[in-house]
Amino acid sequence: MSRKNRLADKASEQRKVISHIEPKSPIAEQYRSVRTNIQFASLEENLQKILVTSAGPGEGKSTTVANLAVVFAQQGKRVLLVDADLRKPTVHYTFQTPNTLGLTNVLTGQSTFEGSVSRTDVEKLDLMTSGPIPPNPSELLGSRAMSRFMEEASTAYDFVFFDTPPVLAVADAQVLANQCDGSIFVVNSGKTDRAGALKAKELLTQAQAKVLGVVLNQKPKGDDNSYYYYYGTSK
């Protein structure tokens, strides 16, 4: 097997949605714990549109949002997972679906909302991939067309999850955050530096984002190779 194929297989393995393929695993249970925390937070105010981001790349935000979408769907909720990372989209790889039509097609009027939704093997979970990468991601996400998209998605689904680019890389997450009901910040143990995390949270706060909490991933537990996820109110 060539090095290229080995890397592709490794990437495919990393993208597996564990909450779907191993629903009884300890990590899947931790995602359900995060779901419970979000639902408790929803008792006082409606949290329907939820953004998931991180400070920098490779910290696990796309894996986290995919698994959260799955566990909400497993509870019988109608869920839409939107790939709003219009620069380096990955949702179509995670769920092995084409990316010929998606969010950018809807926002530019080239396709309808319904015509750009993809079904998944997870009951109740639909996808909106990114679509073709545009030259103006931030402008599209802050457009009136995006506001209309939000309204349409909120009407059709119980929960809408948005995968966005890292906060410190570009302004896209900030642009979208104040249009969402809440944001979840993903931190990678041993990779995310404290200064970067604090700066990213500051930028989200300046964008009037409601930061619901932090998910800490890839944290070694004991001496084995397992990981856990932590969710708590962000200070």
C-alpha atoms as a PDB file:
ATOM      1  CA  MET A   1       0.000   0.000   0.000  1.00  0.00           C
ATOM      2  CA  SER A   2       1.342   3.421  -0.927  1.00  0.00           C
ATOM      3  CA  ARG A   3       2.058   6.093   1.674  1.00  0.00           C
ATOM      4  CA  LYS A   4      -0.757   8.195   0.213  1.00  0.00           C
ATOM      5  CA  ASN A   5      -3.254   5.358   0.656  1.00  0.00           C
ATOM      6  CA  ARG A   6      -2.038   4.681   4.203  1.00  0.00           C
ATOM      7  CA  LEU A   7      -2.557   8.337   5.102  1.00  0.00           C
ATOM      8  CA  ALA A   8      -6.011   8.289   3.529  1.00  0.00           C
ATOM      9  CA  ASP A   9      -6.958   5.189   5.529  1.00  0.00           C
ATOM     10  CA  LYS A  10      -5.660   6.780   8.724  1.00  0.00           C
ATOM     11  CA  ALA A  11      -7.658   9.947   8.062  1.00  0.00           C
ATOM     12  CA  SER A  12     -10.765   7.863   7.370  1.00  0.00           C
ATOM     13  CA  GLU A  13     -10.271   5.986  10.642  1.00  0.00           C
ATOM     14  CA  GLN A  14      -9.925   9.243  12.578  1.00  0.00           C
ATOM     15  CA  ARG A  15     -13.120  10.590  11.048  1.00  0.00           C
ATOM     16  CA  LYS A  16     -15.265   7.683  12.202  1.00  0.00           C
ATOM     17  CA  VAL A  17     -18.161   8.917  14.287  1.00  0.00           C
ATOM     18  CA  ILE A  18     -17.785   6.823  17.409  1.00  0.00           C
ATOM     19  CA  SER A  19     -21.211   7.748  18.809  1.00  0.00           C
ATOM     20  CA  HIS A  20     -22.719   5.997  15.797  1.00  0.00           C
ATOM     21  CA  ILE A  21     -20.417   3.004  15.302  1.00  0.00           C
ATOM     22  CA  GLU A  22     -19.803   2.345  19.032  1.00  0.00           C
ATOM     23  CA  PRO A  23     -22.815   3.854  20.847  1.00  0.00           C
ATOM     24  CA  LYS A  24     -22.047   1.943  24.072  1.00  0.00           C
ATOM     25  CA  SER A  25     -18.428   3.084  24.292  1.00  0.00           C
ATOM     26  CA  PRO A  26     -17.234   5.315  27.174  1.00  0.00           C
ATOM     27  CA  ILE A  27     -16.483   8.164  24.771  1.00  0.00           C
ATOM     28  CA  ALA A  28     -19.982   8.004  23.268  1.00  0.00           C
ATOM     29  CA  GLU A  29     -21.328   8.203  26.805  1.00  0.00           C
ATOM     30  CA  GLN A  30     -19.326  11.375  27.382  1.00  0.00           C
ATOM     31  CA  TYR A  31     -20.902  12.930  24.301  1.00  0.00           C
ATOM     32  CA  ARG A  32     -24.281  12.086  25.779  1.00  0.00           C
ATOM     33  CA  SER A  33     -23.195  13.863  28.965  1.00  0.00           C
ATOM     34  CA  VAL A  34     -22.457  16.970  26.921  1.00  0.00           C
ATOM     35  CA  ARG A  35     -25.909  16.603  25.336  1.00  0.00           C
ATOM     36  CA  THR A  36     -27.474  16.496  28.790  1.00  0.00           C
ATOM     37  CA  ASN A  37     -25.675  19.681  29.830  1.00  0.00           C
ATOM     38  CA  ILE A  38     -26.896  21.471  26.721  1.00  0.00           C
ATOM     39  CA  GLN A  39     -30.442  20.339  27.432  1.00  0.00           C
ATOM     40  CA  PHE A  40     -30.264  21.572  31.014  1.00  0.00           C
ATOM     41  CA  ALA A  41     -29.047  24.932  29.715  1.00  0.00           C
ATOM     42  CA  SER A  42     -32.039  24.935  27.345  1.00  0.00           C
ATOM     43  CA  LEU A  43     -34.515  24.922  30.223  1.00  0.00           C
ATOM     44  CA  GLU A  44     -34.214  28.682  30.721  1.00  0.00           C
ATOM     45  CA  GLU A  45     -33.757  29.751  27.105  1.00  0.00           C
ATOM     46  CA  ASN A  46     -34.068  28.156  23.700  1.00  0.00           C
ATOM     47  CA  LEU A  47     -30.807  26.687  22.435  1.00  0.00           C
ATOM     48  CA  GLN A  48     -31.582  25.458  18.960  1.00  0.00           C
ATOM     49  CA  LYS A  49     -28.748  26.788  16.797  1.00  0.00           C
ATOM     50  CA  ILE A  50     -25.398  25.718  18.245  1.00  0.00           C
ATOM     51  CA  LEU A  51     -21.959  26.582  16.923  1.00  0.00           C
ATOM     52  CA  VAL A  52     -18.870  24.485  17.660  1.00  0.00           C
ATOM     53  CA  THR A  53     -15.396  25.931  17.208  1.00  0.00           C
ATOM     54  CA  SER A  54     -11.850  25.904  18.581  1.00  0.00           C
ATOM     55  CA  ALA A  55      -8.899  28.249  18.933  1.00  0.00           C
ATOM     56  CA  GLY A  56      -6.737  26.616  16.266  1.00  0.00           C
ATOM     57  CA  PRO A  57      -6.825  23.776  13.715  1.00  0.00           C
ATOM     58  CA  GLY A  58      -6.592  20.108  14.602  1.00  0.00           C
ATOM     59  CA  GLU A  59      -8.139  20.436  18.055  1.00  0.00           C
ATOM     60  CA  GLY A  60     -11.136  18.189  17.443  1.00  0.00           C
ATOM     61  CA  LYS A  61     -14.001  20.601  16.793  1.00  0.00           C
ATOM     62  CA  SER A  62     -15.250  18.748  13.701  1.00  0.00           C
ATOM     63  CA  THR A  63     -15.180  15.389  15.476  1.00  0.00           C
ATOM     64  CA  THR A  64     -16.967  16.917  18.448  1.00  0.00           C
ATOM     65  CA  VAL A  65     -19.750  18.570  16.452  1.00  0.00           C
ATOM     66  CA  ALA A  66     -20.338  15.418  14.388  1.00  0.00           C
ATOM     67  CA  ASN A  67     -20.705  13.260  17.487  1.00  0.00           C
ATOM     68  CA  LEU A  68     -22.944  15.794  19.213  1.00  0.00           C
ATOM     69  CA  ALA A  69     -25.212  15.864  16.171  1.00  0.00           C
ATOM     70  CA  VAL A  70     -25.383  12.058  16.263  1.00  0.00           C
ATOM     71  CA  VAL A  71     -26.270  11.759  19.964  1.00  0.00           C
ATOM     72  CA  PHE A  72     -29.027  14.364  19.637  1.00  0.00           C
ATOM     73  CA  ALA A  73     -30.447  12.474  16.660  1.00  0.00           C
ATOM     74  CA  GLN A  74     -30.241   9.209  18.613  1.00  0.00           C
ATOM     75  CA  GLN A  75     -32.559  10.828  21.145  1.00  0.00           C
ATOM     76  CA  GLY A  76     -35.174  11.261  18.426  1.00  0.00           C
ATOM     77  CA  LYS A  77     -34.518  14.940  17.678  1.00  0.00           C
ATOM     78  CA  ARG A  78     -34.546  16.215  14.106  1.00  0.00           C
ATOM     79  CA  VAL A  79     -30.972  17.403  13.618  1.00  0.00           C
ATOM     80  CA  LEU A  80     -29.151  19.235  10.849  1.00  0.00           C
ATOM     81  CA  LEU A  81     -25.357  19.349  10.842  1.00  0.00           C
ATOM     82  CA  VAL A  82     -24.082  22.273   8.765  1.00  0.00           C
ATOM     83  CA  ASP A  83     -20.495  22.511   7.534  1.00  0.00           C
ATOM     84  CA  ALA A  84     -19.959  26.247   7.868  1.00  0.00           C
ATOM     85  CA  ASP A  85     -16.205  25.874   7.473  1.00  0.00           C
ATOM     86  CA  LEU A  86     -16.171  27.316   3.985  1.00  0.00           C
ATOM     87  CA  ARG A  87     -12.372  27.226   3.820  1.00  0.00           C
ATOM     88  CA  LYS A  88     -11.378  23.672   4.822  1.00  0.00           C
ATOM     89  CA  PRO A  89     -14.622  21.669   5.017  1.00  0.00           C
ATOM     90  CA  THR A  90     -14.525  18.114   6.390  1.00  0.00           C
ATOM     91  CA  VAL A  91     -18.117  17.052   7.130  1.00  0.00           C
ATOM     92  CA  HIS A  92     -18.502  15.388   3.727  1.00  0.00           C
ATOM     93  CA  TYR A  93     -15.405  13.280   4.464  1.00  0.00           C
ATOM     94  CA  THR A  94     -16.688  12.326   7.904  1.00  0.00           C
ATOM     95  CA  PHE A  95     -19.988  11.058   6.536  1.00  0.00           C
ATOM     96  CA  GLN A  96     -18.615  10.002   3.132  1.00  0.00           C
ATOM     97  CA  THR A  97     -21.065  12.037   1.107  1.00  0.00           C
ATOM     98  CA  PRO A  98     -20.589  14.209  -2.018  1.00  0.00           C
ATOM     99  CA  ASN A  99     -19.942  17.920  -1.606  1.00  0.00           C
ATOM    100  CA  THR A 100     -21.245  19.098  -4.954  1.00  0.00           C
ATOM    101  CA  LEU A 101     -24.197  20.943  -3.421  1.00  0.00           C
ATOM    102  CA  GLY A 102     -24.200  22.582  -0.019  1.00  0.00           C
ATOM    103  CA  LEU A 103     -24.360  25.759   2.017  1.00  0.00           C
ATOM    104  CA  THR A 104     -22.653  28.027  -0.490  1.00  0.00           C
ATOM    105  CA  ASN A 105     -25.085  26.955  -3.223  1.00  0.00           C
ATOM    106  CA  VAL A 106     -28.026  27.879  -0.995  1.00  0.00           C
ATOM    107  CA  LEU A 107     -26.555  31.230   0.071  1.00  0.00           C
ATOM    108  CA  THR A 108     -25.810  32.246  -3.520  1.00  0.00           C
ATOM    109  CA  GLY A 109     -29.219  31.200  -4.795  1.00  0.00           C
ATOM    110  CA  GLN A 110     -27.906  28.336  -6.938  1.00  0.00           C
ATOM    111  CA  SER A 111     -29.867  25.689  -5.054  1.00  0.00           C
ATOM    112  CA  THR A 112     -32.798  25.394  -2.672  1.00  0.00           C
ATOM    113  CA  PHE A 113     -32.475  24.486   0.992  1.00  0.00           C
ATOM    114  CA  GLU A 114     -34.227  21.152   0.475  1.00  0.00           C
ATOM    115  CA  GLY A 115     -32.194  20.374  -2.627  1.00  0.00           C
ATOM    116  CA  SER A 116     -28.913  20.760  -0.761  1.00  0.00           C
ATOM    117  CA  VAL A 117     -29.685  18.565   2.254  1.00  0.00           C
ATOM    118  CA  SER A 118     -28.052  15.127   2.418  1.00  0.00           C
ATOM    119  CA  ARG A 119     -29.372  12.151   4.354  1.00  0.00           C
ATOM    120  CA  THR A 120     -27.163  10.030   6.616  1.00  0.00           C
ATOM    121  CA  ASP A 121     -27.187   6.491   7.963  1.00  0.00           C
ATOM    122  CA  VAL A 122     -28.160   7.979  11.329  1.00  0.00           C
ATOM    123  CA  GLU A 123     -31.918   8.235  11.647  1.00  0.00           C
ATOM    124  CA  LYS A 124     -33.126  11.838  12.117  1.00  0.00           C
ATOM    125  CA  LEU A 125     -29.703  13.305  11.188  1.00  0.00           C
ATOM    126  CA  ASP A 126     -29.316  15.306   7.972  1.00  0.00           C
ATOM    127  CA  LEU A 127     -26.281  17.134   6.598  1.00  0.00           C
ATOM    128  CA  MET A 128     -25.684  20.386   4.807  1.00  0.00           C
ATOM    129  CA  THR A 129     -22.154  20.159   3.426  1.00  0.00           C
ATOM    130  CA  SER A 130     -20.177  23.297   2.639  1.00  0.00           C
ATOM    131  CA  GLY A 131     -20.620  23.192  -1.113  1.00  0.00           C
ATOM    132  CA  PRO A 132     -17.942  24.716  -3.381  1.00  0.00           C
ATOM    133  CA  ILE A 133     -15.406  26.856  -1.514  1.00  0.00           C
ATOM    134  CA  PRO A 134     -16.245  30.550  -2.153  1.00  0.00           C
ATOM    135  CA  PRO A 135     -13.862  33.518  -2.417  1.00  0.00           C
ATOM    136  CA  ASN A 136     -15.715  35.414   0.347  1.00  0.00           C
ATOM    137  CA  PRO A 137     -16.618  33.062   3.230  1.00  0.00           C
ATOM    138  CA  SER A 138     -17.008  35.716   5.947  1.00  0.00           C
ATOM    139  CA  GLU A 139     -19.246  37.884   3.777  1.00  0.00           C
ATOM    140  CA  LEU A 140     -21.480  34.916   2.920  1.00  0.00           C
ATOM    141  CA  LEU A 141     -21.833  33.894   6.565  1.00  0.00           C
ATOM    142  CA  GLY A 142     -22.767  37.446   7.555  1.00  0.00           C
ATOM    143  CA  SER A 143     -25.209  37.980   4.693  1.00  0.00           C
ATOM    144  CA  ARG A 144     -28.984  38.320   4.715  1.00  0.00           C
ATOM    145  CA  ALA A 145     -29.090  35.029   2.857  1.00  0.00           C
ATOM    146  CA  MET A 146     -27.477  33.396   5.904  1.00  0.00           C
ATOM    147  CA  SER A 147     -30.120  34.925   8.175  1.00  0.00           C
ATOM    148  CA  ARG A 148     -32.821  33.464   5.941  1.00  0.00           C
ATOM    149  CA  PHE A 149     -31.025  30.117   6.012  1.00  0.00           C
ATOM    150  CA  MET A 150     -31.038  30.212   9.823  1.00  0.00           C
ATOM    151  CA  GLU A 151     -34.783  30.808   9.879  1.00  0.00           C
ATOM    152  CA  GLU A 152     -35.482  28.009   7.424  1.00  0.00           C
ATOM    153  CA  ALA A 153     -33.243  25.531   9.219  1.00  0.00           C
ATOM    154  CA  SER A 154     -34.764  26.396  12.600  1.00  0.00           C
ATOM    155  CA  THR A 155     -38.228  25.762  11.231  1.00  0.00           C
ATOM    156  CA  ALA A 156     -37.358  22.384   9.724  1.00  0.00           C
ATOM    157  CA  TYR A 157     -35.207  20.965  12.559  1.00  0.00           C
ATOM    158  CA  ASP A 158     -35.155  20.723  16.355  1.00  0.00           C
ATOM    159  CA  PHE A 159     -31.401  21.388  16.503  1.00  0.00           C
ATOM    160  CA  VAL A 160     -28.951  22.863  14.004  1.00  0.00           C
ATOM    161  CA  PHE A 161     -25.220  22.385  14.632  1.00  0.00           C
ATOM    162  CA  PHE A 162     -22.589  24.469  12.843  1.00  0.00           C
ATOM    163  CA  ASP A 163     -18.984  23.384  12.285  1.00  0.00           C
ATOM    164  CA  THR A 164     -16.923  26.562  11.816  1.00  0.00           C
ATOM    165  CA  PRO A 165     -13.262  27.442  11.220  1.00  0.00           C
ATOM    166  CA  PRO A 166     -10.971  28.031  14.231  1.00  0.00           C
ATOM    167  CA  VAL A 167     -11.469  31.404  15.905  1.00  0.00           C
ATOM    168  CA  LEU A 168      -7.842  32.535  15.755  1.00  0.00           C
ATOM    169  CA  ALA A 169      -7.451  31.674  12.069  1.00  0.00           C
ATOM    170  CA  VAL A 170     -10.259  33.732  10.517  1.00  0.00           C
ATOM    171  CA  ALA A 171     -13.292  35.787  11.574  1.00  0.00           C
ATOM    172  CA  ASP A 172     -15.912  33.326  10.277  1.00  0.00           C
ATOM    173  CA  ALA A 173     -16.807  31.816  13.669  1.00  0.00           C
ATOM    174  CA  GLN A 174     -17.249  35.281  15.177  1.00  0.00           C
ATOM    175  CA  VAL A 175     -19.493  36.344  12.307  1.00  0.00           C
ATOM    176  CA  LEU A 176     -21.719  33.313  12.797  1.00  0.00           C
ATOM    177  CA  ALA A 177     -21.588  33.116  16.601  1.00  0.00           C
ATOM    178  CA  ASN A 178     -23.923  36.023  17.298  1.00  0.00           C
ATOM    179  CA  GLN A 179     -26.503  34.502  14.966  1.00  0.00           C
ATOM    180  CA  CYS A 180     -26.503  31.259  16.976  1.00  0.00           C
ATOM    181  CA  ASP A 181     -28.157  30.578  20.327  1.00  0.00           C
ATOM    182  CA  GLY A 182     -24.960  29.238  21.844  1.00  0.00           C
ATOM    183  CA  SER A 183     -21.352  28.301  21.139  1.00  0.00           C
ATOM    184  CA  ILE A 184     -19.244  25.395  22.369  1.00  0.00           C
ATOM    185  CA  PHE A 185     -15.492  25.804  22.532  1.00  0.00           C
ATOM    186  CA  VAL A 186     -13.269  22.753  21.939  1.00  0.00           C
ATOM    187  CA  VAL A 187      -9.883  22.529  23.629  1.00  0.00           C
ATOM    188  CA  ASN A 188      -7.286  19.860  22.876  1.00  0.00           C
ATOM    189  CA  SER A 189      -5.350  18.640  25.892  1.00  0.00           C
ATOM    190  CA  GLY A 190      -1.639  19.156  25.375  1.00  0.00           C
ATOM    191  CA  LYS A 191      -2.098  21.127  22.159  1.00  0.00           C
ATOM    192  CA  THR A 192      -4.227  24.199  22.859  1.00  0.00           C
ATOM    193  CA  ASP A 193      -2.147  26.777  24.685  1.00  0.00           C
ATOM    194  CA  ARG A 194      -3.762  28.809  27.454  1.00  0.00           C
ATOM    195  CA  ALA A 195      -3.069  32.201  25.858  1.00  0.00           C
ATOM    196  CA  GLY A 196      -4.597  31.111  22.568  1.00  0.00           C
ATOM    197  CA  ALA A 197      -7.682  29.696  24.268  1.00  0.00           C
ATOM    198  CA  LEU A 198      -8.220  32.884  26.279  1.00  0.00           C
ATOM    199  CA  LYS A 199      -7.763  35.044  23.192  1.00  0.00           C
ATOM    200  CA  ALA A 200     -10.247  32.941  21.230  1.00  0.00           C
ATOM    201  CA  LYS A 201     -12.827  33.181  24.017  1.00  0.00           C
ATOM    202  CA  GLU A 202     -12.286  36.952  24.165  1.00  0.00           C
ATOM    203  CA  LEU A 203     -12.954  37.235  20.431  1.00  0.00           C
ATOM    204  CA  LEU A 204     -16.152  35.201  20.762  1.00  0.00           C
ATOM    205  CA  THR A 205     -17.289  37.380  23.656  1.00  0.00           C
ATOM    206  CA  GLN A 206     -16.604  40.520  21.636  1.00  0.00           C
ATOM    207  CA  ALA A 207     -18.790  39.049  18.893  1.00  0.00           C
ATOM    208  CA  GLN A 208     -21.594  38.757  21.484  1.00  0.00           C
ATOM    209  CA  ALA A 209     -21.478  34.980  21.386  1.00  0.00           C
ATOM    210  CA  LYS A 210     -23.073  33.049  24.226  1.00  0.00           C
ATOM    211  CA  VAL A 211     -20.338  30.590  25.155  1.00  0.00           C
ATOM    212  CA  LEU A 212     -22.082  27.595  26.713  1.00  0.00           C
ATOM    213  CA  GLY A 213     -18.989  25.752  27.809  1.00  0.00           C
ATOM    214  CA  VAL A 214     -15.774  23.967  26.942  1.00  0.00           C
ATOM    215  CA  VAL A 215     -15.172  20.440  25.668  1.00  0.00           C
ATOM    216  CA  LEU A 216     -11.728  19.113  26.608  1.00  0.00           C
ATOM    217  CA  ASN A 217     -10.708  16.255  24.352  1.00  0.00           C
ATOM    218  CA  GLN A 218      -7.803  13.848  23.941  1.00  0.00           C
ATOM    219  CA  LYS A 219      -7.059  14.007  27.637  1.00  0.00           C
ATOM    220  CA  PRO A 220      -5.269  10.797  28.722  1.00  0.00           C
ATOM    221  CA  LYS A 221      -7.120   9.012  31.497  1.00  0.00           C
ATOM    222  CA  GLY A 222      -4.848   7.064  33.801  1.00  0.00           C
ATOM    223  CA  ASP A 223      -2.196   5.030  32.068  1.00  0.00           C
ATOM    224  CA  ASP A 224      -4.302   3.712  29.202  1.00  0.00           C
ATOM    225  CA  ASN A 225      -5.081   5.190  25.804  1.00  0.00           C
ATOM    226  CA  SER A 226      -8.661   6.217  26.505  1.00  0.00           C
ATOM    227  CA  TYR A 227      -9.877   9.790  26.429  1.00  0.00           C
ATOM    228  CA  TYR A 228     -12.617  11.742  28.057  1.00  0.00           C
ATOM    229  CA  TYR A 229     -14.591  14.849  27.309  1.00  0.00           C
ATOM    230  CA  TYR A 230     -15.348  17.570  29.815  1.00  0.00           C
ATOM    231  CA  TYR A 231     -18.154  20.064  29.600  1.00  0.00           C
ATOM    232  CA  GLY A 232     -18.514  23.009  31.917  1.00  0.00           C
ATOM    233  CA  THR A 233     -19.642  26.603  31.979  1.00  0.00           C
ATOM    234  CA  SER A 234     -16.967  28.838  30.527  1.00  0.00           C
ATOM    235  CA  LYS A 235     -15.614  31.463  32.919  1.00  0.00           C
END
